[in-house]
Structures are given as C-alpha cells and as structure tokens.
Amino acid sequence: MSHAGWTENFGLKQNPFKDTLDTDLFYRTRQHEEALVKIRIGMDDCHALILLTGQSGTGKTLLSQLVIRSLDLARFVPVFVPVYPGMGKGMLLAQILAETERPNACRFTHERLNLLQEAALHLHTKGQRLVVIIDEAHFLKADALHILRTLSNLETEKEKLVTVLLIAENSLARRLSSPSYASLRGRITFSVNLAPLTRAETEQFIKFRLLKCGGPPQLLSADGYDAVHRMSGGIPREINRLLYNGFLEALSSNQQIVNGALIETAGHKLGIPHGQTQQTAAPAAE
C-alpha cells in the first residue's frame, strides 16, 4: 500500500509521525517554551556560551531550528554547524568560517581565529551579532571544546562579539564536570535541559500531531496512549517510531483504532522488550 494509502485509511492528510525536522508538527511543552525564552534572552543579552542538553530524541535540534526562525535577521546572523564524531578545532573553525563566507584556507588555528574575529567585528559595525549554533556538540574533541573558550573571549570593550549555543546529549554535561574543563564551564552563562515528556504531555503530543494532520485523537485508545508512553519513555522520537509502526499494525489487522496491544506488538518488532520502559533522562529545564 502507498504512503498516501495508509494515512487516508485513518482519515489523515499526511503522516503525523514522520521523523523529520518539521517545525509545524512541533508540540511545545512548558519546558520547551521556557527553553526558547531562556535561549533568546541569552542571545539578546549577548552571552557568549549557552548549553542546551537532553537525551537523544527529545527535540533539541528542532528547538534550535525554532530559535533560528525566531531571530531578527537584521540583528543576528545565525551559523548552524552540525558536528561529526571526532571533529577537532581546525574543522570546527573552518566550518564556522565557511558559513560566514570568509576564506578558510588558513592552516593555523590562530589565523582562523583572527579571520573569525574580523568577521564578527565586521558584523558588529553593522549592528549585527554572530550566533553559532553547534549541533551534536558531544561529538567534539577536547581541543575543539577548549577553543570555544577562546571564542567566548572575542569581545569589544562593551560586549561579547559571538554567542555560541551548544546543543548536546547529557553526556557532554557530565564531561564538562571534569576539572580539566573548569574554565570552559565557567564561561557557560546557563544551561537548559530537555527532559522526556510526562504521561500527560505524551498524550497531548500525540493528539496535537493527529489534529494537525486532520485526524481525530480517538484514533488511539486510552490503553494505546498508556502503552506508547510506557514503551517510549516519553522520548518524542521513540513516540513517533512506535506510532508509525502501530498504525501499520492496525492497518494490516484491519483495525481503525490503535490500542495498547498493537503498540506492544510494534514495540516488540522494533526491539523494545515487552512492556519495558525506555531509559529516561534526568532533571528538566534548570
């Protein structure tokens, strides 16, 4: 059956559970709203380093896209840098420079830093501020993390020239607690942590997506909502994965309602042990 076929079977205009950065399907919980407000305030107040952490799949990258969309481009120039495992300081600086349209053929770190300072100063003279958003920052090598301390020192007599938003899994926060990162940690003005959704938030997340895509919330039974939260641990990416497969299970069984049994069958096929809760993360936004 075609992609359109299964959605139409349930009265949906599109797939509500696709794993893409679709900001129109982003359900903002209270903690997401608080995170957006704090990050925007940090940028408006010219803070040098801001840290956004959370378990994989909690919506950090999507939140960063909402931050970028909300920026006044007359005042801010956003640069988005996706990190790959083992990225060092040279490539990190080169990626930032490439996005600022500065030549990055320099071989040495101090040359790249000088170019970056020139770019930030040039923007400053036009009343603009460079905002560097580093996604998957937990993959950065130690030398790349330490170079962020240098970036945080780029300033005029009155304010910092660059704001860096670090987006990372919780492992980075644990890593930064090491004494070797004390000076970098001291330059992080504040951090925000995205926690998994509560049971109530999970249900609202699902209903929001269903309604956005033209379907009624009653497509899931009460025990279906329970099963999704239990098996996903409240992680949005896992919720979407479970529901996509749960709806396909319902389709193959000629059922119009996705119940707990269908979700558990889908979870089992995805490798989630029967009834086992996903590991959840620690505290919510600080």
Protein backbone atom coordinates (compact mmCIF):
# COMPACT_ATOMS: atom_id res chain seq x y z
CA MET A 1 0.00 0.00 0.00
CA SER A 2 1.26 3.50 -0.80
CA HIS A 3 2.29 6.08 1.79
CA ALA A 4 -0.83 8.09 0.97
CA GLY A 5 -2.96 4.95 1.25
CA TRP A 6 -2.30 4.20 4.89
CA THR A 7 -2.83 7.79 6.03
CA GLU A 8 -6.09 8.12 4.09
CA ASN A 9 -7.27 4.87 5.65
CA PHE A 10 -7.30 6.63 9.04
CA GLY A 11 -8.62 9.96 7.74
CA LEU A 12 -5.20 11.64 7.92
CA LYS A 13 -3.97 14.20 5.39
CA GLN A 14 -0.32 13.27 5.98
CA ASN A 15 1.88 11.12 8.18
CA PRO A 16 1.84 12.70 11.67
CA PHE A 17 4.78 10.63 12.86
CA LYS A 18 7.47 11.29 10.28
CA ASP A 19 11.00 11.64 11.66
CA THR A 20 11.87 14.98 10.10
CA LEU A 21 12.58 18.49 11.37
CA ASP A 22 9.05 19.72 10.69
CA THR A 23 8.52 22.72 12.95
CA ASP A 24 4.80 22.76 12.09
CA LEU A 25 4.42 19.45 13.93
CA PHE A 26 6.48 20.55 16.92
CA TYR A 27 4.45 20.30 20.14
CA ARG A 28 5.70 22.89 22.60
CA THR A 29 5.54 21.77 26.20
CA ARG A 30 6.08 24.19 29.07
CA GLN A 31 9.74 23.19 29.27
CA HIS A 32 10.22 23.80 25.54
CA GLU A 33 8.68 27.25 25.85
CA GLU A 34 10.92 28.02 28.84
CA ALA A 35 13.96 26.81 26.93
CA LEU A 36 13.12 29.02 23.93
CA VAL A 37 12.62 32.06 26.16
CA LYS A 38 15.87 31.50 28.09
CA ILE A 39 17.94 30.97 24.96
CA ARG A 40 16.50 34.07 23.28
CA ILE A 41 17.16 36.15 26.39
CA GLY A 42 20.74 34.81 26.46
CA MET A 43 21.24 35.91 22.87
CA ASP A 44 19.61 39.31 23.40
CA ASP A 45 21.85 39.87 26.44
CA CYS A 46 24.96 38.95 24.43
CA HIS A 47 26.00 35.92 26.46
CA ALA A 48 28.98 34.06 24.99
CA LEU A 49 28.11 30.42 25.75
CA ILE A 50 24.74 28.72 26.28
CA LEU A 51 24.29 24.97 26.71
CA LEU A 52 21.18 23.00 25.66
CA THR A 53 21.25 19.34 26.66
CA GLY A 54 18.87 16.41 26.63
CA GLN A 55 18.54 12.73 25.90
CA SER A 56 18.70 11.74 22.24
CA GLY A 57 15.32 12.27 20.60
CA THR A 58 13.95 14.91 22.98
CA GLY A 59 13.79 17.61 20.30
CA LYS A 60 16.98 19.63 20.80
CA THR A 61 17.76 20.11 17.10
CA LEU A 62 14.15 21.02 16.33
CA LEU A 63 14.22 23.54 19.17
CA SER A 64 17.37 25.08 17.70
CA GLN A 65 15.58 25.49 14.36
CA LEU A 66 12.78 27.33 16.15
CA VAL A 67 15.40 29.57 17.76
CA ILE A 68 16.87 30.35 14.33
CA ARG A 69 13.41 31.04 12.87
CA SER A 70 12.63 33.43 15.72
CA LEU A 71 15.79 35.51 15.29
CA ASP A 72 15.61 39.04 13.94
CA LEU A 73 17.98 38.68 10.99
CA ALA A 74 18.58 42.41 10.99
CA ARG A 75 20.29 41.94 14.37
CA PHE A 76 21.56 38.35 14.33
CA VAL A 77 23.49 36.28 11.80
CA PRO A 78 22.97 32.58 12.63
CA VAL A 79 25.51 29.93 11.64
CA PHE A 80 24.47 26.28 12.05
CA VAL A 81 27.30 23.75 12.44
CA PRO A 82 26.45 20.01 12.52
CA VAL A 83 29.25 18.12 14.28
CA TYR A 84 30.50 14.71 13.22
CA PRO A 85 32.24 12.28 15.62
CA GLY A 86 35.81 13.32 16.36
CA MET A 87 35.58 16.83 14.89
CA GLY A 88 38.58 18.84 16.06
CA LYS A 89 39.19 22.56 16.45
CA GLY A 90 40.55 23.04 12.92
CA MET A 91 37.47 21.70 11.18
CA LEU A 92 35.13 23.39 13.64
CA LEU A 93 36.64 26.81 12.91
CA ALA A 94 36.74 26.05 9.19
CA GLN A 95 33.02 25.18 9.20
CA ILE A 96 32.12 28.39 11.02
CA LEU A 97 34.25 30.47 8.65
CA ALA A 98 32.71 28.81 5.61
CA GLU A 99 29.26 29.83 6.82
CA THR A 100 30.42 33.42 7.37
CA GLU A 101 31.72 33.45 3.77
CA ARG A 102 35.26 34.11 4.92
CA PRO A 103 38.20 32.37 3.20
CA ASN A 104 39.19 29.39 5.33
CA ALA A 105 42.31 28.18 3.55
CA CYS A 106 44.43 29.14 6.56
CA ARG A 107 46.43 26.29 8.02
CA PHE A 108 46.89 27.53 11.56
CA THR A 109 44.36 27.89 14.36
CA HIS A 110 45.38 31.45 15.26
CA GLU A 111 44.86 32.52 11.63
CA ARG A 112 41.36 31.06 11.59
CA LEU A 113 40.57 32.73 14.91
CA ASN A 114 41.78 36.06 13.54
CA LEU A 115 39.54 35.68 10.50
CA LEU A 116 36.60 34.79 12.70
CA GLN A 117 37.22 37.83 14.88
CA GLU A 118 37.35 40.01 11.77
CA ALA A 119 34.04 38.57 10.59
CA ALA A 120 32.41 39.13 13.99
CA LEU A 121 33.76 42.69 14.19
CA HIS A 122 32.55 43.44 10.68
CA LEU A 123 29.05 42.30 11.64
CA HIS A 124 29.27 44.32 14.87
CA THR A 125 29.93 47.51 12.91
CA LYS A 126 26.67 46.84 11.02
CA GLY A 127 24.75 46.35 14.26
CA GLN A 128 24.63 42.57 13.88
CA ARG A 129 25.78 39.71 16.08
CA LEU A 130 27.20 36.34 15.07
CA VAL A 131 25.32 33.40 16.59
CA VAL A 132 26.98 30.00 16.20
CA ILE A 133 24.71 27.00 16.83
CA ILE A 134 26.73 23.81 17.27
CA ASP A 135 24.60 20.67 16.99
CA GLU A 136 25.70 17.28 18.36
CA ALA A 137 28.41 19.07 20.36
CA HIS A 138 29.05 15.93 22.44
CA PHE A 139 30.99 14.63 19.42
CA LEU A 140 33.58 17.41 19.64
CA LYS A 141 37.15 16.50 20.53
CA ALA A 142 38.73 18.08 23.59
CA ASP A 143 40.71 20.64 21.56
CA ALA A 144 37.50 21.81 19.85
CA LEU A 145 35.76 22.27 23.19
CA HIS A 146 38.70 24.22 24.55
CA ILE A 147 38.74 26.50 21.50
CA LEU A 148 35.19 27.53 22.44
CA ARG A 149 36.69 29.21 25.49
CA THR A 150 38.76 31.34 23.12
CA LEU A 151 35.67 32.15 21.04
CA SER A 152 33.94 33.30 24.21
CA ASN A 153 36.77 35.81 24.71
CA LEU A 154 36.14 37.63 21.40
CA GLU A 155 34.74 40.95 22.53
CA THR A 156 34.68 44.72 22.29
CA GLU A 157 35.09 46.95 25.33
CA LYS A 158 31.35 46.67 25.98
CA GLU A 159 30.16 43.22 24.92
CA LYS A 160 30.96 39.76 23.61
CA LEU A 161 31.08 39.51 19.82
CA VAL A 162 29.84 35.94 19.42
CA THR A 163 27.13 33.84 21.05
CA VAL A 164 27.67 30.07 20.88
CA LEU A 165 24.72 27.75 21.53
CA LEU A 166 25.98 24.24 22.27
CA ILE A 167 23.41 21.51 21.63
CA ALA A 168 24.38 18.14 23.05
CA GLU A 169 23.32 14.94 24.72
CA ASN A 170 23.55 14.74 28.51
CA SER A 171 26.95 13.10 28.24
CA LEU A 172 28.52 16.48 27.42
CA ALA A 173 27.32 18.00 30.70
CA ARG A 174 28.91 15.08 32.56
CA ARG A 175 32.10 15.51 30.53
CA LEU A 176 32.28 19.22 31.30
CA SER A 177 32.10 18.47 35.03
CA SER A 178 35.72 17.29 34.81
CA PRO A 179 38.27 19.70 36.38
CA SER A 180 40.05 19.95 33.01
CA TYR A 181 37.03 21.84 31.63
CA ALA A 182 36.58 24.16 34.62
CA SER A 183 37.50 27.34 32.71
CA LEU A 184 35.15 26.47 29.82
CA ARG A 185 32.38 25.52 32.23
CA GLY A 186 32.79 28.86 33.97
CA ARG A 187 32.03 30.69 30.72
CA ILE A 188 28.69 28.94 30.19
CA THR A 189 26.19 31.50 31.44
CA PHE A 190 23.38 28.99 31.87
CA SER A 191 22.27 25.58 30.67
CA VAL A 192 18.86 24.20 29.76
CA ASN A 193 17.97 20.52 29.84
CA LEU A 194 15.10 18.93 27.92
CA ALA A 195 13.56 16.06 29.86
CA PRO A 196 11.37 13.29 28.40
CA LEU A 197 7.64 14.01 28.22
CA THR A 198 5.35 13.13 31.11
CA ARG A 199 2.40 10.79 30.58
CA ALA A 200 0.04 13.77 30.14
CA GLU A 201 2.46 15.52 27.77
CA THR A 202 2.85 12.34 25.72
CA GLU A 203 -0.90 12.17 25.17
CA GLN A 204 -1.07 15.87 24.25
CA PHE A 205 1.93 15.46 21.91
CA ILE A 206 0.14 12.66 20.04
CA LYS A 207 -3.23 14.44 19.91
CA PHE A 208 -1.56 17.62 18.63
CA ARG A 209 0.10 15.75 15.76
CA LEU A 210 -3.07 13.84 14.88
CA LEU A 211 -5.17 17.02 14.81
CA LYS A 212 -2.53 18.88 12.77
CA CYS A 213 -2.73 16.12 10.17
CA GLY A 214 -6.52 16.06 10.05
CA GLY A 215 -7.21 13.06 12.27
CA PRO A 216 -9.23 12.69 15.49
CA PRO A 217 -7.49 11.95 18.83
CA GLN A 218 -9.78 8.91 19.14
CA LEU A 219 -7.57 7.04 16.67
CA LEU A 220 -5.77 5.82 19.79
CA SER A 221 -7.49 4.06 22.66
CA ALA A 222 -6.74 5.02 26.28
CA ASP A 223 -4.54 1.97 26.75
CA GLY A 224 -2.86 2.85 23.45
CA TYR A 225 -1.73 6.17 24.92
CA ASP A 226 -0.58 4.34 28.06
CA ALA A 227 1.43 1.83 26.05
CA VAL A 228 3.12 4.49 23.92
CA HIS A 229 4.29 6.42 26.96
CA ARG A 230 5.43 3.29 28.80
CA MET A 231 7.39 1.89 25.89
CA SER A 232 8.82 5.19 24.60
CA GLY A 233 9.76 6.60 28.00
CA GLY A 234 8.35 9.93 26.81
CA ILE A 235 11.03 10.41 24.14
CA PRO A 236 9.38 12.16 21.16
CA ARG A 237 11.46 10.34 18.54
CA GLU A 238 10.51 6.98 20.08
CA ILE A 239 6.87 8.03 20.32
CA ASN A 240 6.83 8.74 16.58
CA ARG A 241 8.59 5.48 15.78
CA LEU A 242 6.17 3.44 17.87
CA LEU A 243 3.08 5.15 16.49
CA TYR A 244 4.13 4.87 12.86
CA ASN A 245 4.59 1.14 13.29
CA GLY A 246 1.49 0.88 15.48
CA PHE A 247 -0.67 2.37 12.74
CA LEU A 248 0.82 -0.04 10.20
CA GLU A 249 -0.02 -2.91 12.58
CA ALA A 250 -3.60 -1.62 12.79
CA LEU A 251 -3.76 -1.36 9.00
CA SER A 252 -2.57 -4.93 8.49
CA SER A 253 -5.10 -6.12 11.11
CA ASN A 254 -7.97 -4.13 9.54
CA GLN A 255 -8.47 -2.16 12.75
CA GLN A 256 -9.42 1.52 12.84
CA ILE A 257 -8.27 2.13 16.42
CA VAL A 258 -4.69 1.69 17.62
CA ASN A 259 -4.81 0.02 21.02
CA GLY A 260 -2.19 -0.99 23.58
CA ALA A 261 -1.80 -4.49 22.17
CA LEU A 262 -0.94 -3.13 18.71
CA ILE A 263 1.58 -0.71 20.19
CA GLU A 264 3.22 -3.51 22.17
CA THR A 265 3.40 -5.65 19.03
CA ALA A 266 5.02 -2.75 17.17
CA GLY A 267 7.45 -2.18 20.05
CA HIS A 268 8.42 -5.84 20.11
CA LYS A 269 9.17 -5.76 16.38
CA LEU A 270 11.29 -2.65 16.93
CA GLY A 271 13.30 -4.48 19.55
CA ILE A 272 11.76 -2.89 22.62
CA PRO A 273 11.21 -5.69 25.18
CA HIS A 274 7.55 -6.27 26.06
CA GLY A 275 6.37 -3.64 28.49
CA GLN A 276 9.86 -2.29 29.14
CA THR A 277 10.18 1.44 29.67
CA GLN A 278 12.84 3.29 27.77
CA GLN A 279 15.62 4.76 29.88
CA THR A 280 14.72 8.31 30.81
CA ALA A 281 16.87 11.32 31.36
CA ALA A 282 17.40 13.38 34.44
CA PRO A 283 16.07 16.76 35.55
CA ALA A 284 14.03 19.15 33.46
CA ALA A 285 15.00 22.67 32.48
CA GLU A 286 17.11 24.37 35.07
